[in-house]
Protein backbone atom coordinates (compact mmCIF):
# COMPACT_ATOMS: atom_id res chain seq x y z
CA MET A 1 0.00 -0.02 -0.02
CA ARG A 2 2.63 2.54 1.07
CA GLU A 3 4.73 1.73 -2.12
CA THR A 4 1.84 2.97 -4.28
CA LEU A 5 1.47 6.33 -2.49
CA ARG A 6 2.32 9.60 -4.20
CA GLN A 7 5.82 10.59 -3.11
CA ILE A 8 6.78 14.02 -1.97
CA PRO A 9 10.42 14.67 -1.38
CA ILE A 10 11.33 16.71 1.77
CA GLY A 11 14.48 18.43 3.05
CA GLU A 12 16.52 17.96 6.17
CA ASP A 13 14.61 20.70 8.03
CA GLU A 14 11.29 18.94 7.37
CA ARG A 15 12.70 15.58 8.27
CA LEU A 16 13.78 16.97 11.62
CA ASP A 17 10.41 18.57 12.16
CA LEU A 18 8.37 15.42 11.42
CA GLU A 19 10.48 13.46 13.89
CA ASN A 20 9.97 16.12 16.54
CA LEU A 21 6.28 15.89 15.84
CA ALA A 22 6.30 12.17 16.29
CA THR A 23 8.38 12.10 19.53
CA GLY A 24 6.28 14.79 21.22
CA ALA A 25 8.98 17.40 21.22
CA PHE A 26 6.50 19.75 19.51
CA HIS A 27 3.55 18.80 21.65
CA PRO A 28 0.62 19.66 21.32
CA LEU A 29 1.23 19.43 17.60
CA ARG A 30 0.73 16.09 15.92
CA GLY A 31 1.50 17.04 12.46
CA PHE A 32 2.41 19.73 9.91
CA MET A 33 -0.02 22.73 10.21
CA THR A 34 -3.12 23.27 8.17
CA ARG A 35 -3.97 26.70 6.81
CA GLU A 36 -6.23 27.41 9.86
CA GLU A 37 -3.55 26.35 12.33
CA ALA A 38 -0.89 28.35 10.54
CA LEU A 39 -2.84 31.56 10.45
CA SER A 40 -4.05 31.16 14.01
CA VAL A 41 -0.46 30.81 15.21
CA ALA A 42 0.74 33.66 12.90
CA TYR A 43 -1.93 36.14 14.03
CA GLU A 44 -2.89 35.05 17.55
CA MET A 45 0.09 32.99 18.82
CA ARG A 46 -2.44 30.32 19.62
CA LEU A 47 -3.53 27.08 17.99
CA PRO A 48 -7.26 27.00 17.09
CA THR A 49 -7.71 24.78 20.13
CA GLY A 50 -6.38 27.62 22.42
CA GLU A 51 -2.84 26.36 23.34
CA VAL A 52 -0.05 28.94 22.98
CA TRP A 53 2.19 28.26 20.00
CA THR A 54 4.23 30.93 18.26
CA LEU A 55 5.87 29.43 15.09
CA PRO A 56 4.23 27.80 12.17
CA ILE A 57 5.53 24.21 11.62
CA LEU A 58 4.98 23.77 7.83
CA LEU A 59 5.49 21.34 5.07
CA GLN A 60 6.19 23.76 2.34
CA LEU A 61 6.44 22.83 -1.40
CA ARG A 62 7.63 24.67 -4.35
CA GLU A 63 4.98 23.29 -6.71
CA ARG A 64 1.18 22.88 -6.21
CA PRO A 65 0.61 19.36 -4.89
CA ARG A 66 -1.85 17.17 -6.83
CA VAL A 67 -3.36 15.84 -3.54
CA GLY A 68 -6.26 16.82 -1.30
CA LYS A 69 -7.93 16.28 2.00
CA GLY A 70 -8.19 12.56 2.81
CA ASP A 71 -5.22 11.43 0.67
CA GLN A 72 -2.10 9.82 2.03
CA VAL A 73 1.36 10.69 0.69
CA ALA A 74 4.80 9.19 1.27
CA LEU A 75 7.39 11.77 2.39
CA THR A 76 10.75 10.81 1.00
CA TYR A 77 14.27 11.77 1.92
CA GLY A 78 17.19 10.81 -0.23
CA GLY A 79 14.88 8.67 -2.33
CA GLU A 80 13.63 6.63 0.57
CA ALA A 81 10.11 6.90 2.11
CA VAL A 82 10.59 8.10 5.68
CA ALA A 83 7.07 8.99 6.73
CA VAL A 84 3.41 8.89 5.72
CA LEU A 85 1.30 12.11 5.81
CA GLN A 86 -2.47 11.95 6.22
CA VAL A 87 -3.47 15.03 4.26
CA GLU A 88 -5.93 17.29 6.14
CA ASP A 89 -5.23 20.44 4.01
CA ALA A 90 -3.46 21.44 0.74
CA TYR A 91 -3.16 25.16 0.46
CA GLU A 92 -1.22 28.13 -0.84
CA LEU A 93 0.65 30.48 1.49
CA ASP A 94 0.99 34.32 1.35
CA LEU A 95 4.68 34.09 2.33
CA ARG A 96 5.11 37.87 2.81
CA ASP A 97 2.12 38.21 5.10
CA LEU A 98 3.26 35.28 7.21
CA ALA A 99 6.83 36.64 7.35
CA ARG A 100 5.51 40.02 8.68
CA GLN A 101 3.52 38.27 11.34
CA VAL A 102 6.16 35.72 12.46
CA PHE A 103 9.44 37.34 11.77
CA GLY A 104 8.33 40.95 12.02
CA THR A 105 9.84 41.64 8.58
CA GLU A 106 9.50 40.78 4.88
CA SER A 107 13.17 41.43 4.27
CA GLU A 108 15.29 38.69 2.66
CA ALA A 109 18.23 40.12 4.50
CA HIS A 110 16.76 38.19 7.50
CA PRO A 111 18.19 34.67 7.29
CA GLY A 112 15.03 33.06 8.63
CA VAL A 113 12.78 34.93 6.18
CA ARG A 114 15.15 34.14 3.30
CA ARG A 115 15.03 30.42 4.15
CA PHE A 116 11.20 30.58 4.58
CA TYR A 117 10.68 32.09 1.12
CA ALA A 118 12.99 29.47 -0.49
CA LYS A 119 10.95 26.56 0.76
CA GLY A 120 7.99 27.36 -1.44
CA THR A 121 4.49 28.90 -1.74
CA TYR A 122 2.37 25.74 -1.17
CA ALA A 123 1.89 23.62 1.85
CA LEU A 124 0.36 20.34 3.06
CA GLY A 125 -1.05 19.92 6.57
CA GLY A 126 -1.88 16.74 8.42
CA ARG A 127 -0.64 14.13 10.82
CA VAL A 128 2.56 12.20 10.25
CA GLU A 129 3.68 8.59 10.92
CA VAL A 130 7.42 8.10 10.78
CA LEU A 131 8.46 4.94 8.82
CA ARG A 132 12.29 5.24 8.98
CA TRP A 133 14.11 7.19 11.62
CA ARG A 134 17.47 8.87 11.10
CA PRO A 135 20.53 7.41 12.78
CA ARG A 136 20.88 9.51 15.89
CA GLY A 137 23.91 10.94 17.58
CA ALA A 138 24.76 10.47 21.18
CA LEU A 139 23.25 13.76 22.13
CA GLU A 140 19.89 13.13 20.55
CA LYS A 141 17.23 11.77 22.98
CA THR A 142 13.48 11.95 22.85
CA PRO A 143 11.54 14.00 25.37
CA GLU A 144 10.54 10.72 27.15
CA GLU A 145 14.09 9.65 27.36
CA VAL A 146 15.24 13.08 28.72
CA ARG A 147 12.45 13.13 31.30
CA ALA A 148 13.48 9.67 32.41
CA LEU A 149 17.17 10.90 32.80
CA PHE A 150 15.99 13.66 35.03
CA ARG A 151 14.03 11.31 37.25
CA GLN A 152 16.96 8.96 37.44
CA ARG A 153 19.19 11.88 38.64
CA GLY A 154 16.57 13.12 41.10
CA TRP A 155 16.36 16.48 39.28
CA ARG A 156 12.96 18.06 40.08
CA ARG A 157 13.89 21.59 39.19
CA VAL A 158 15.67 21.69 35.84
CA VAL A 159 16.83 24.85 34.03
CA ALA A 160 17.08 24.59 30.25
CA PHE A 161 19.76 26.59 28.47
CA GLN A 162 19.14 27.23 24.73
CA THR A 163 22.12 27.98 22.51
CA ARG A 164 22.91 28.04 18.80
CA ASN A 165 26.57 29.02 19.21
CA ALA A 166 29.82 28.02 20.90
CA PRO A 167 30.21 29.05 24.57
CA HIS A 168 31.74 32.31 25.62
CA ARG A 169 31.90 33.73 29.13
CA ALA A 170 28.40 35.12 29.13
CA HIS A 171 27.00 31.72 28.21
CA GLU A 172 28.97 30.20 31.11
CA TYR A 173 27.60 32.79 33.46
CA LEU A 174 24.03 31.82 32.49
CA ILE A 175 24.73 28.11 33.02
CA ARG A 176 26.13 28.87 36.43
CA LEU A 177 23.05 30.99 37.19
CA GLY A 178 20.88 28.02 36.31
CA LEU A 179 22.89 25.76 38.60
CA GLU A 180 22.18 28.16 41.48
CA LEU A 181 18.48 27.92 40.75
CA ALA A 182 17.91 24.30 40.15
CA ASP A 183 19.01 20.64 40.74
CA GLY A 184 20.43 20.52 37.27
CA VAL A 185 20.91 22.33 33.95
CA LEU A 186 20.03 21.04 30.55
CA VAL A 187 22.42 22.53 27.99
CA HIS A 188 20.40 21.99 24.80
CA PRO A 189 22.18 23.31 21.65
CA ILE A 190 20.47 23.45 18.32
CA LEU A 191 21.73 20.58 16.08
CA GLY A 192 19.97 21.60 12.91
CA ALA A 193 20.79 24.18 10.21
CA LYS A 194 22.01 27.61 11.29
CA LYS A 195 23.29 30.61 9.37
CA GLU A 196 26.65 30.50 7.71
CA ASP A 197 28.48 32.67 10.22
CA ASP A 198 27.46 30.57 13.22
CA PHE A 199 29.92 27.98 14.38
CA PRO A 200 29.44 24.44 12.98
CA THR A 201 27.45 22.13 15.14
CA GLU A 202 30.33 19.80 15.83
CA VAL A 203 32.57 22.65 17.05
CA ILE A 204 29.69 23.86 19.32
CA VAL A 205 29.26 20.46 20.90
CA LYS A 206 33.06 19.92 21.45
CA ALA A 207 33.40 23.34 23.04
CA TYR A 208 30.44 22.80 25.43
CA ARG A 209 31.66 19.28 26.30
CA ALA A 210 35.14 20.76 27.12
CA LEU A 211 33.56 23.51 29.20
CA ILE A 212 31.36 21.07 31.20
CA GLU A 213 34.14 18.57 31.67
CA GLY A 214 36.71 21.09 32.74
CA PHE A 215 34.85 23.77 34.64
CA LEU A 216 31.37 22.75 35.69
CA PRO A 217 29.96 20.01 38.00
CA GLN A 218 29.34 17.23 35.46
CA ASP A 219 26.78 15.44 37.68
CA ARG A 220 24.59 18.55 37.50
CA VAL A 221 24.80 19.42 33.86
CA ALA A 222 23.30 17.32 31.08
CA LEU A 223 24.58 18.17 27.52
CA LEU A 224 22.03 16.99 24.99
CA GLY A 225 20.81 18.41 21.58
CA LEU A 226 17.70 19.62 19.93
CA ALA A 227 17.56 18.44 16.28
CA THR A 228 15.75 21.36 14.74
CA PRO A 229 16.80 24.31 12.56
CA MET A 230 17.25 27.76 13.94
CA ARG A 231 14.50 30.15 12.59
CA TYR A 232 16.02 33.46 13.99
CA ALA A 233 12.46 34.63 14.86
CA GLY A 234 13.49 36.51 17.90
CA PRO A 235 10.74 36.78 20.54
CA ARG A 236 8.48 34.21 18.98
CA GLU A 237 11.26 31.71 18.69
CA ALA A 238 12.01 32.30 22.44
CA VAL A 239 8.51 31.17 23.29
CA PHE A 240 8.88 28.16 20.92
CA HIS A 241 12.18 27.19 22.62
CA ALA A 242 10.53 27.35 26.03
CA LEU A 243 7.56 25.27 25.09
CA VAL A 244 9.81 22.61 23.52
CA ARG A 245 12.02 22.45 26.59
CA LYS A 246 8.96 22.07 28.79
CA ASN A 247 8.18 18.97 26.69
CA PHE A 248 11.68 17.69 27.60
CA GLY A 249 10.97 18.01 31.24
CA ALA A 250 12.49 21.42 32.03
CA THR A 251 10.79 23.43 34.74
CA HIS A 252 12.65 26.74 34.07
CA PHE A 253 13.97 28.33 30.94
CA LEU A 254 16.66 31.03 30.57
CA VAL A 255 15.96 33.90 28.25
CA GLY A 256 18.84 36.25 27.70
CA ARG A 257 19.34 39.43 25.81
CA ASP A 258 18.20 39.23 22.12
CA HIS A 259 17.19 35.60 22.42
CA ALA A 260 17.07 34.01 18.98
CA GLY A 261 17.68 37.36 17.44
CA VAL A 262 19.72 38.27 14.42
CA GLY A 263 21.35 41.54 13.28
CA GLU A 264 19.29 44.52 14.22
CA PHE A 265 15.88 42.96 13.49
CA TYR A 266 14.67 42.81 17.07
CA ASP A 267 14.79 44.97 20.12
CA PRO A 268 17.14 43.29 22.56
CA TYR A 269 14.44 42.80 25.11
CA ALA A 270 11.52 41.86 22.96
CA ALA A 271 12.03 38.25 23.96
CA HIS A 272 11.53 39.25 27.58
CA ARG A 273 8.36 41.22 26.92
CA ILE A 274 6.59 38.68 24.81
CA PHE A 275 6.09 36.37 27.79
CA ASP A 276 4.32 39.15 29.68
CA ALA A 277 1.62 39.04 26.97
CA LEU A 278 1.01 35.38 27.31
CA PRO A 279 -0.70 33.23 29.91
CA PRO A 280 1.40 30.92 32.13
CA LEU A 281 3.14 28.30 29.91
CA GLY A 282 3.80 25.60 32.45
CA ILE A 283 7.49 26.49 32.55
CA GLU A 284 8.99 29.34 34.53
CA ILE A 285 10.88 32.01 32.40
CA VAL A 286 14.15 33.29 33.93
CA LYS A 287 14.89 36.61 32.26
CA VAL A 288 18.60 37.75 32.24
CA GLY A 289 19.74 41.09 30.98
CA ALA A 290 22.97 41.95 29.14
CA VAL A 291 26.01 40.00 30.47
CA PHE A 292 29.47 41.43 30.07
CA HIS A 293 32.99 41.57 31.58
CA CYS A 294 33.48 44.51 33.96
CA ALA A 295 37.02 45.36 34.86
CA LEU A 296 35.83 47.46 37.89
CA CYS A 297 33.59 44.62 39.17
CA GLY A 298 36.59 42.27 38.59
CA GLY A 299 34.76 39.67 36.42
CA ILE A 300 31.61 38.67 34.56
CA ALA A 301 28.57 40.77 35.55
CA SER A 302 25.11 41.75 34.32
CA GLU A 303 23.04 44.92 34.25
CA ARG A 304 21.45 43.74 37.47
CA THR A 305 24.73 43.15 39.32
CA CYS A 306 27.05 45.93 37.95
CA PRO A 307 26.50 49.53 39.21
CA PRO A 308 25.72 52.15 36.60
CA HIS A 309 28.91 54.10 37.28
CA HIS A 310 30.97 51.10 36.15
CA GLN A 311 29.84 51.49 32.53
CA GLY A 312 33.20 52.65 31.41
CA GLY A 313 34.75 49.39 32.52
CA ARG A 314 32.37 47.04 30.68
CA THR A 315 33.45 44.87 27.75
CA SER A 316 30.61 43.44 25.77
CA ILE A 317 30.74 39.71 24.96
CA SER A 318 29.67 38.21 21.65
CA MET A 319 30.63 35.23 19.65
CA THR A 320 30.70 37.52 16.56
CA LYS A 321 33.48 39.46 18.19
CA VAL A 322 35.28 36.08 19.18
CA ARG A 323 35.06 34.76 15.68
CA SER A 324 36.28 38.00 14.16
CA LEU A 325 39.37 37.97 16.35
CA LEU A 326 40.07 34.33 15.46
CA ARG A 327 39.76 35.00 11.78
CA GLU A 328 42.29 37.80 12.18
CA GLY A 329 44.68 35.35 13.83
CA LYS A 330 44.30 36.96 17.23
CA ALA A 331 43.56 35.12 20.41
CA PRO A 332 40.37 36.42 22.09
CA PRO A 333 41.05 37.83 25.56
CA PRO A 334 40.15 35.53 28.55
CA GLU A 335 37.33 38.14 29.43
CA LEU A 336 35.53 36.93 26.28
CA VAL A 337 36.23 33.18 26.15
CA ARG A 338 38.14 30.66 28.14
CA PRO A 339 41.63 30.18 26.65
CA GLU A 340 41.19 26.35 26.95
CA LEU A 341 38.38 26.58 24.29
CA ILE A 342 40.30 28.57 21.69
CA PRO A 343 41.90 25.56 19.92
CA LEU A 344 38.40 24.00 19.48
CA LEU A 345 36.94 27.30 18.24
CA LEU A 346 39.70 27.66 15.63
CA GLU A 347 38.24 24.61 13.92
CA GLY A 348 35.20 26.53 12.99
CA ALA A 349 36.44 30.14 12.83
């Protein structure tokens, strides 16, 4: 039966999404969104059933599909059928309208918008059944497996730390803050596609592993991965990241300055304010302001811990600055990144 189904090829992003739908990582979603669901999420930040959800999870196509409601199609990757989709809706997207609502811009200078446009104008919505799973790396676990790990370790309060980049001193500060608040910290880097000037995933993982093994209590930090692409959707993606980490068993979620932002597209604290406009999500949001090195304080500090008259002694910390120095053949100062991590970061500079 499945061999006779119409075949629709999908890309890596969609394959990751369908597996996250199947494992419950994207709960309460059970499949790719219908038009009604996509528009409800884009305009209301709610599913039609009322649950908060902020990013459309779409199966986009470049050509109009010759299928309709009630049909089944085989989703193929690399020529192999990897899932079956029960079609509930086949529809056309207004890409620019959705981009305005979700990303806050139509500009193709935004990497998330550019990627969204490239995927196509048409979409299929419906539930998915995975037939063939990807080989998974050691860091990839299902939400059920991660929750079981927390129970095994006796962690009742778990702070999740989202990252798309290699660790600098501000990231380490946030992880340590999480350790002060909870029984354990889930360091959960994005394993899917990122923009070209982010560090490669393998470098990110190596650097976090070195940081944890060398400088953090290993029995209280779990390094795992989230196999989904970055959307760079700023505040809406911050909510998405929180909801997904709740599904993995986290009780708290760290939201820093310009969470999931890119360039100058978002106000640095838009990702803080968006949670104020939403009902309780079932996960506590820990909002953290700008983190920097302050020579007058004598170390890493934040806007809440460093007095205003120390502003002249502050050095901002960003991975963009670190990578720029590495590419110039200069070693970033220890105020920005641990010297022990520099050889690893050079692999992806």
